[in-house]
Amino acid sequence: MGAGPKRDPLGDVSLGAAPRPIIATVGFFTHQMGIPAPLAFLAIAAEFLGGLGLILGFLGRIAAFGILCNMVTAIAMVHKQFGLFMNWAGNQKGEGIEYHLLAIAVALAVMVRGSGALSLDHLLAEKGASQPSAPTLLPR
């Protein structure tokens, strides 16, 4: 299976979660979680731009890496205390790491395999391969 079917749902979920009011989200990260503001901004940018990049298949490996970093941080800082499974029954205070592990697996697949044939990355790579190489000053 190509990377496209894997990257699109991850991009949809990440992009959908990101456009919350940025000031409020940065405030939550900095005041309640103790994350420095520049890192909070990077996390929001990785989720929003990473989701957009995965949907379009543009810089897919970099986008997947940003999402992977966010998921690892979410597990380490928030969700590991609630165990593996999500709170399906509503009987625990938070969500487990089930979703985060799935997102990490998908991000790893995109990082290894790339964005796939139906992506801007593939289109740009094909276009670049058909162009004659530029002259260089270094001997070949």
N, C-alpha and C. Protein backbone atom coordinates (compact mmCIF):
# COMPACT_ATOMS: atom_id res chain seq x y z
N MET A 1 0.85 -1.17 0.00
CA MET A 1 0.00 0.00 0.00
C MET A 1 0.90 1.24 0.00
N GLY A 2 0.57 2.20 -0.82
CA GLY A 2 1.35 3.43 -0.91
C GLY A 2 1.18 4.30 0.32
N ALA A 3 2.01 5.33 0.38
CA ALA A 3 1.98 6.21 1.55
C ALA A 3 0.78 7.14 1.54
N GLY A 4 0.21 7.42 0.37
CA GLY A 4 -0.93 8.35 0.28
C GLY A 4 -2.08 7.97 1.19
N PRO A 5 -2.56 6.71 1.13
CA PRO A 5 -3.67 6.34 2.02
C PRO A 5 -3.32 6.44 3.50
N LYS A 6 -2.03 6.37 3.84
CA LYS A 6 -1.64 6.50 5.23
C LYS A 6 -1.54 7.97 5.64
N ARG A 7 -0.98 8.79 4.77
CA ARG A 7 -0.69 10.17 5.16
C ARG A 7 -1.92 11.05 5.18
N ASP A 8 -2.90 10.80 4.33
CA ASP A 8 -4.07 11.68 4.25
C ASP A 8 -4.89 11.70 5.55
N PRO A 9 -5.25 10.56 6.14
CA PRO A 9 -6.02 10.63 7.39
C PRO A 9 -5.24 11.29 8.53
N LEU A 10 -3.94 11.02 8.62
CA LEU A 10 -3.13 11.66 9.66
C LEU A 10 -3.10 13.16 9.44
N GLY A 11 -2.98 13.59 8.21
CA GLY A 11 -3.00 15.02 7.90
C GLY A 11 -4.33 15.65 8.22
N ASP A 12 -5.42 14.95 7.90
CA ASP A 12 -6.76 15.48 8.18
C ASP A 12 -6.96 15.70 9.68
N VAL A 13 -6.58 14.72 10.48
CA VAL A 13 -6.77 14.82 11.92
C VAL A 13 -5.88 15.91 12.50
N SER A 14 -4.62 15.96 12.07
CA SER A 14 -3.69 16.96 12.61
C SER A 14 -4.10 18.37 12.21
N LEU A 15 -4.48 18.55 10.97
CA LEU A 15 -4.89 19.87 10.52
C LEU A 15 -6.17 20.30 11.22
N GLY A 16 -7.08 19.38 11.44
CA GLY A 16 -8.34 19.71 12.10
C GLY A 16 -8.17 20.09 13.56
N ALA A 17 -7.14 19.55 14.21
CA ALA A 17 -6.93 19.85 15.62
C ALA A 17 -6.17 21.15 15.82
N ALA A 18 -5.50 21.63 14.82
CA ALA A 18 -4.57 22.75 14.99
C ALA A 18 -5.19 24.14 15.02
N PRO A 19 -6.24 24.47 14.26
CA PRO A 19 -6.60 25.88 14.16
C PRO A 19 -7.37 26.46 15.35
N ARG A 20 -7.25 25.83 16.52
CA ARG A 20 -7.81 26.45 17.70
C ARG A 20 -7.18 27.83 17.84
N PRO A 21 -7.78 28.71 18.61
CA PRO A 21 -7.15 30.02 18.77
C PRO A 21 -5.72 29.86 19.28
N ILE A 22 -4.77 30.35 18.50
CA ILE A 22 -3.35 30.11 18.79
C ILE A 22 -2.93 30.73 20.12
N ILE A 23 -3.41 31.91 20.42
CA ILE A 23 -3.02 32.56 21.68
C ILE A 23 -3.47 31.72 22.87
N ALA A 24 -4.69 31.22 22.83
CA ALA A 24 -5.20 30.41 23.94
C ALA A 24 -4.41 29.11 24.06
N THR A 25 -4.06 28.50 22.93
CA THR A 25 -3.32 27.24 22.96
C THR A 25 -1.90 27.46 23.47
N VAL A 26 -1.24 28.53 23.00
CA VAL A 26 0.10 28.83 23.51
C VAL A 26 0.02 29.12 25.01
N GLY A 27 -1.01 29.84 25.42
CA GLY A 27 -1.20 30.11 26.85
C GLY A 27 -1.37 28.84 27.66
N PHE A 28 -2.14 27.89 27.14
CA PHE A 28 -2.33 26.61 27.84
C PHE A 28 -1.00 25.87 27.95
N PHE A 29 -0.27 25.81 26.83
CA PHE A 29 1.01 25.10 26.84
C PHE A 29 2.00 25.74 27.81
N THR A 30 2.06 27.06 27.83
CA THR A 30 3.05 27.74 28.66
C THR A 30 2.64 27.79 30.12
N HIS A 31 1.40 28.15 30.42
CA HIS A 31 0.99 28.34 31.81
C HIS A 31 0.62 27.05 32.52
N GLN A 32 -0.11 26.18 31.86
CA GLN A 32 -0.57 24.97 32.54
C GLN A 32 0.38 23.80 32.38
N MET A 33 1.10 23.73 31.27
CA MET A 33 1.98 22.58 31.04
C MET A 33 3.46 22.92 31.25
N GLY A 34 3.77 24.21 31.35
CA GLY A 34 5.14 24.62 31.60
C GLY A 34 6.07 24.52 30.40
N ILE A 35 5.51 24.51 29.21
CA ILE A 35 6.33 24.45 27.99
C ILE A 35 6.70 25.87 27.59
N PRO A 36 7.97 26.14 27.29
CA PRO A 36 8.35 27.49 26.87
C PRO A 36 7.58 27.92 25.62
N ALA A 37 7.26 29.21 25.53
CA ALA A 37 6.44 29.74 24.44
C ALA A 37 7.00 29.42 23.05
N PRO A 38 8.32 29.54 22.79
CA PRO A 38 8.80 29.19 21.44
C PRO A 38 8.54 27.73 21.08
N LEU A 39 8.69 26.84 22.06
CA LEU A 39 8.42 25.42 21.78
C LEU A 39 6.92 25.17 21.60
N ALA A 40 6.10 25.89 22.35
CA ALA A 40 4.65 25.77 22.19
C ALA A 40 4.24 26.21 20.78
N PHE A 41 4.81 27.31 20.33
CA PHE A 41 4.51 27.79 18.98
C PHE A 41 4.97 26.77 17.93
N LEU A 42 6.16 26.19 18.12
CA LEU A 42 6.64 25.16 17.18
C LEU A 42 5.72 23.94 17.15
N ALA A 43 5.20 23.55 18.31
CA ALA A 43 4.29 22.41 18.35
C ALA A 43 3.01 22.69 17.56
N ILE A 44 2.47 23.90 17.73
CA ILE A 44 1.26 24.27 17.00
C ILE A 44 1.55 24.35 15.51
N ALA A 45 2.68 24.93 15.14
CA ALA A 45 3.05 25.03 13.72
C ALA A 45 3.26 23.65 13.13
N ALA A 46 3.90 22.75 13.88
CA ALA A 46 4.12 21.39 13.37
C ALA A 46 2.81 20.68 13.13
N GLU A 47 1.85 20.88 14.03
CA GLU A 47 0.56 20.21 13.86
C GLU A 47 -0.22 20.79 12.68
N PHE A 48 -0.24 22.11 12.58
CA PHE A 48 -1.01 22.74 11.49
C PHE A 48 -0.31 22.56 10.14
N LEU A 49 0.94 22.99 10.06
CA LEU A 49 1.66 22.88 8.78
C LEU A 49 1.96 21.43 8.43
N GLY A 50 2.20 20.60 9.46
CA GLY A 50 2.42 19.18 9.21
C GLY A 50 1.18 18.52 8.64
N GLY A 51 0.03 18.87 9.20
CA GLY A 51 -1.23 18.32 8.67
C GLY A 51 -1.47 18.75 7.24
N LEU A 52 -1.22 20.01 6.96
CA LEU A 52 -1.38 20.52 5.60
C LEU A 52 -0.39 19.85 4.65
N GLY A 53 0.85 19.71 5.10
CA GLY A 53 1.86 19.05 4.28
C GLY A 53 1.52 17.60 3.99
N LEU A 54 0.96 16.90 4.96
CA LEU A 54 0.60 15.50 4.74
C LEU A 54 -0.59 15.38 3.79
N ILE A 55 -1.55 16.27 3.90
CA ILE A 55 -2.69 16.22 2.98
C ILE A 55 -2.24 16.44 1.54
N LEU A 56 -1.36 17.43 1.35
CA LEU A 56 -0.89 17.75 0.00
C LEU A 56 0.24 16.84 -0.46
N GLY A 57 0.86 16.14 0.47
CA GLY A 57 2.03 15.34 0.11
C GLY A 57 3.22 16.23 -0.20
N PHE A 58 3.33 17.35 0.49
CA PHE A 58 4.42 18.30 0.25
C PHE A 58 5.32 18.31 1.48
N LEU A 59 6.59 17.99 1.26
CA LEU A 59 7.55 17.83 2.36
C LEU A 59 7.01 16.83 3.39
N GLY A 60 6.51 15.72 2.87
CA GLY A 60 5.82 14.74 3.70
C GLY A 60 6.67 14.17 4.82
N ARG A 61 7.94 13.89 4.54
CA ARG A 61 8.79 13.32 5.58
C ARG A 61 9.01 14.31 6.73
N ILE A 62 9.20 15.57 6.38
CA ILE A 62 9.39 16.61 7.41
C ILE A 62 8.09 16.81 8.20
N ALA A 63 6.97 16.84 7.49
CA ALA A 63 5.67 17.00 8.14
C ALA A 63 5.40 15.84 9.10
N ALA A 64 5.69 14.62 8.65
CA ALA A 64 5.48 13.44 9.49
C ALA A 64 6.39 13.49 10.72
N PHE A 65 7.61 13.97 10.56
CA PHE A 65 8.52 14.08 11.70
C PHE A 65 7.98 15.07 12.74
N GLY A 66 7.42 16.18 12.29
CA GLY A 66 6.83 17.15 13.22
C GLY A 66 5.68 16.56 14.01
N ILE A 67 4.82 15.83 13.32
CA ILE A 67 3.68 15.18 13.98
C ILE A 67 4.19 14.11 14.96
N LEU A 68 5.18 13.34 14.54
CA LEU A 68 5.76 12.32 15.40
C LEU A 68 6.29 12.95 16.69
N CYS A 69 7.01 14.05 16.57
CA CYS A 69 7.53 14.74 17.77
C CYS A 69 6.40 15.18 18.69
N ASN A 70 5.33 15.72 18.12
CA ASN A 70 4.18 16.12 18.93
C ASN A 70 3.57 14.94 19.66
N MET A 71 3.44 13.80 18.99
CA MET A 71 2.82 12.63 19.60
C MET A 71 3.69 12.05 20.72
N VAL A 72 5.00 12.00 20.50
CA VAL A 72 5.90 11.50 21.54
C VAL A 72 5.84 12.42 22.77
N THR A 73 5.81 13.72 22.53
CA THR A 73 5.72 14.68 23.64
C THR A 73 4.39 14.53 24.38
N ALA A 74 3.30 14.35 23.64
CA ALA A 74 1.98 14.18 24.27
C ALA A 74 1.95 12.92 25.15
N ILE A 75 2.57 11.85 24.67
CA ILE A 75 2.63 10.63 25.48
C ILE A 75 3.43 10.89 26.75
N ALA A 76 4.61 11.47 26.59
CA ALA A 76 5.52 11.66 27.72
C ALA A 76 4.96 12.62 28.77
N MET A 77 4.31 13.69 28.31
CA MET A 77 3.90 14.73 29.25
C MET A 77 2.48 14.58 29.79
N VAL A 78 1.61 13.89 29.04
CA VAL A 78 0.20 13.89 29.44
C VAL A 78 -0.40 12.49 29.54
N HIS A 79 -0.32 11.70 28.50
CA HIS A 79 -1.18 10.53 28.35
C HIS A 79 -0.65 9.21 28.91
N LYS A 80 0.64 9.09 29.18
CA LYS A 80 1.17 7.79 29.61
C LYS A 80 0.56 7.32 30.93
N GLN A 81 0.17 8.25 31.77
CA GLN A 81 -0.39 7.87 33.07
C GLN A 81 -1.76 7.21 32.97
N PHE A 82 -2.41 7.32 31.81
CA PHE A 82 -3.75 6.76 31.65
C PHE A 82 -3.76 5.40 30.96
N GLY A 83 -2.58 4.87 30.67
CA GLY A 83 -2.49 3.53 30.10
C GLY A 83 -2.59 3.52 28.58
N LEU A 84 -2.84 2.35 28.05
CA LEU A 84 -2.82 2.16 26.60
C LEU A 84 -4.11 2.64 25.93
N PHE A 85 -5.24 2.28 26.46
CA PHE A 85 -6.48 2.48 25.72
C PHE A 85 -7.11 3.85 25.94
N MET A 86 -7.79 4.31 24.91
CA MET A 86 -8.53 5.57 25.00
C MET A 86 -9.68 5.40 25.99
N ASN A 87 -10.28 6.47 26.38
CA ASN A 87 -11.33 6.48 27.39
C ASN A 87 -12.69 6.23 26.74
N TRP A 88 -12.87 5.04 26.19
CA TRP A 88 -14.11 4.73 25.47
C TRP A 88 -15.32 4.75 26.38
N ALA A 89 -15.17 4.27 27.61
CA ALA A 89 -16.31 4.16 28.52
C ALA A 89 -16.52 5.42 29.36
N GLY A 90 -15.59 6.35 29.30
CA GLY A 90 -15.72 7.58 30.08
C GLY A 90 -15.48 7.39 31.56
N ASN A 91 -14.71 6.37 31.94
CA ASN A 91 -14.52 6.09 33.36
C ASN A 91 -13.12 6.44 33.87
N GLN A 92 -12.34 7.17 33.10
CA GLN A 92 -11.04 7.64 33.59
C GLN A 92 -10.89 9.12 33.27
N LYS A 93 -9.93 9.77 33.92
CA LYS A 93 -9.80 11.22 33.79
C LYS A 93 -9.23 11.67 32.46
N GLY A 94 -8.51 10.83 31.77
CA GLY A 94 -7.89 11.23 30.51
C GLY A 94 -7.87 10.10 29.50
N GLU A 95 -7.20 10.36 28.41
CA GLU A 95 -7.12 9.39 27.31
C GLU A 95 -5.78 8.66 27.37
N GLY A 96 -5.79 7.39 27.01
CA GLY A 96 -4.56 6.61 26.95
C GLY A 96 -3.76 6.94 25.70
N ILE A 97 -2.76 6.12 25.42
CA ILE A 97 -1.81 6.41 24.33
C ILE A 97 -2.13 5.67 23.04
N GLU A 98 -3.27 5.03 22.96
CA GLU A 98 -3.65 4.23 21.79
C GLU A 98 -3.58 5.05 20.49
N TYR A 99 -4.23 6.20 20.45
CA TYR A 99 -4.22 7.05 19.26
C TYR A 99 -2.82 7.54 18.93
N HIS A 100 -2.08 7.91 19.94
CA HIS A 100 -0.75 8.46 19.73
C HIS A 100 0.19 7.42 19.12
N LEU A 101 0.08 6.18 19.57
CA LEU A 101 0.89 5.11 18.99
C LEU A 101 0.53 4.88 17.52
N LEU A 102 -0.75 4.95 17.20
CA LEU A 102 -1.18 4.81 15.82
C LEU A 102 -0.62 5.95 14.96
N ALA A 103 -0.71 7.18 15.46
CA ALA A 103 -0.19 8.34 14.72
C ALA A 103 1.32 8.22 14.54
N ILE A 104 2.03 7.73 15.56
CA ILE A 104 3.48 7.54 15.44
C ILE A 104 3.80 6.49 14.38
N ALA A 105 3.05 5.40 14.35
CA ALA A 105 3.28 4.36 13.34
C ALA A 105 3.05 4.89 11.93
N VAL A 106 2.00 5.67 11.74
CA VAL A 106 1.72 6.24 10.42
C VAL A 106 2.80 7.24 10.05
N ALA A 107 3.21 8.07 11.00
CA ALA A 107 4.27 9.05 10.73
C ALA A 107 5.57 8.35 10.36
N LEU A 108 5.91 7.26 11.05
CA LEU A 108 7.12 6.51 10.71
C LEU A 108 7.03 5.93 9.30
N ALA A 109 5.85 5.43 8.93
CA ALA A 109 5.67 4.88 7.58
C ALA A 109 5.90 5.96 6.53
N VAL A 110 5.38 7.15 6.75
CA VAL A 110 5.56 8.24 5.79
C VAL A 110 7.02 8.68 5.78
N MET A 111 7.67 8.71 6.93
CA MET A 111 9.07 9.10 6.97
C MET A 111 9.96 8.11 6.22
N VAL A 112 9.62 6.83 6.28
CA VAL A 112 10.42 5.81 5.60
C VAL A 112 10.08 5.74 4.12
N ARG A 113 8.81 5.71 3.77
CA ARG A 113 8.37 5.49 2.39
C ARG A 113 8.19 6.76 1.58
N GLY A 114 8.05 7.90 2.24
CA GLY A 114 7.80 9.15 1.53
C GLY A 114 6.31 9.38 1.35
N SER A 115 5.97 10.40 0.60
CA SER A 115 4.59 10.83 0.45
C SER A 115 3.78 9.98 -0.53
N GLY A 116 4.41 9.21 -1.35
CA GLY A 116 3.70 8.35 -2.29
C GLY A 116 3.53 8.98 -3.66
N ALA A 117 2.93 8.21 -4.57
CA ALA A 117 2.80 8.63 -5.96
C ALA A 117 1.82 9.79 -6.15
N LEU A 118 0.81 9.88 -5.33
CA LEU A 118 -0.17 10.95 -5.45
C LEU A 118 0.19 12.09 -4.49
N SER A 119 1.29 12.75 -4.78
CA SER A 119 1.76 13.81 -3.89
C SER A 119 2.51 14.87 -4.67
N LEU A 120 2.60 16.03 -4.08
CA LEU A 120 3.41 17.09 -4.68
C LEU A 120 4.88 16.72 -4.66
N ASP A 121 5.33 16.02 -3.62
CA ASP A 121 6.72 15.58 -3.57
C ASP A 121 7.08 14.74 -4.79
N HIS A 122 6.21 13.79 -5.12
CA HIS A 122 6.45 12.92 -6.27
C HIS A 122 6.45 13.72 -7.58
N LEU A 123 5.49 14.62 -7.70
CA LEU A 123 5.39 15.47 -8.89
C LEU A 123 6.64 16.31 -9.06
N LEU A 124 7.11 16.92 -7.99
CA LEU A 124 8.31 17.74 -8.06
C LEU A 124 9.56 16.91 -8.35
N ALA A 125 9.62 15.71 -7.79
CA ALA A 125 10.76 14.83 -8.05
C ALA A 125 10.80 14.41 -9.52
N GLU A 126 9.63 14.09 -10.08
CA GLU A 126 9.58 13.73 -11.51
C GLU A 126 9.98 14.89 -12.39
N LYS A 127 9.49 16.08 -12.06
CA LYS A 127 9.81 17.26 -12.85
C LYS A 127 11.30 17.56 -12.76
N GLY A 128 11.86 17.41 -11.57
CA GLY A 128 13.30 17.65 -11.40
C GLY A 128 14.14 16.64 -12.13
N ALA A 129 13.68 15.39 -12.22
CA ALA A 129 14.44 14.34 -12.91
C ALA A 129 14.43 14.56 -14.42
N SER A 130 13.39 15.20 -14.95
CA SER A 130 13.32 15.41 -16.38
C SER A 130 14.10 16.64 -16.84
N GLN A 131 14.51 17.49 -15.89
CA GLN A 131 15.29 18.67 -16.23
C GLN A 131 16.75 18.28 -16.43
N PRO A 132 17.43 18.92 -17.37
CA PRO A 132 18.86 18.66 -17.49
C PRO A 132 19.58 19.20 -16.26
N SER A 133 20.65 18.51 -15.88
CA SER A 133 21.35 18.95 -14.67
C SER A 133 22.10 20.24 -14.95
N ALA A 134 22.20 21.05 -13.93
CA ALA A 134 22.87 22.35 -14.06
C ALA A 134 24.38 22.13 -14.10
N PRO A 135 25.07 22.97 -14.84
CA PRO A 135 26.53 22.85 -14.88
C PRO A 135 27.12 23.17 -13.50
N THR A 136 28.16 22.47 -13.15
CA THR A 136 28.80 22.68 -11.87
C THR A 136 30.26 23.07 -12.07
N LEU A 137 30.84 23.65 -11.06
CA LEU A 137 32.25 24.02 -11.10
C LEU A 137 33.14 22.87 -10.66
N LEU A 138 32.56 21.89 -10.01
CA LEU A 138 33.32 20.77 -9.52
C LEU A 138 33.42 19.69 -10.59
N PRO A 139 34.58 19.02 -10.70
CA PRO A 139 34.69 17.93 -11.68
C PRO A 139 33.82 16.76 -11.27
N ARG A 140 33.34 16.01 -12.26
CA ARG A 140 32.48 14.85 -11.98
C ARG A 140 33.28 13.60 -11.94
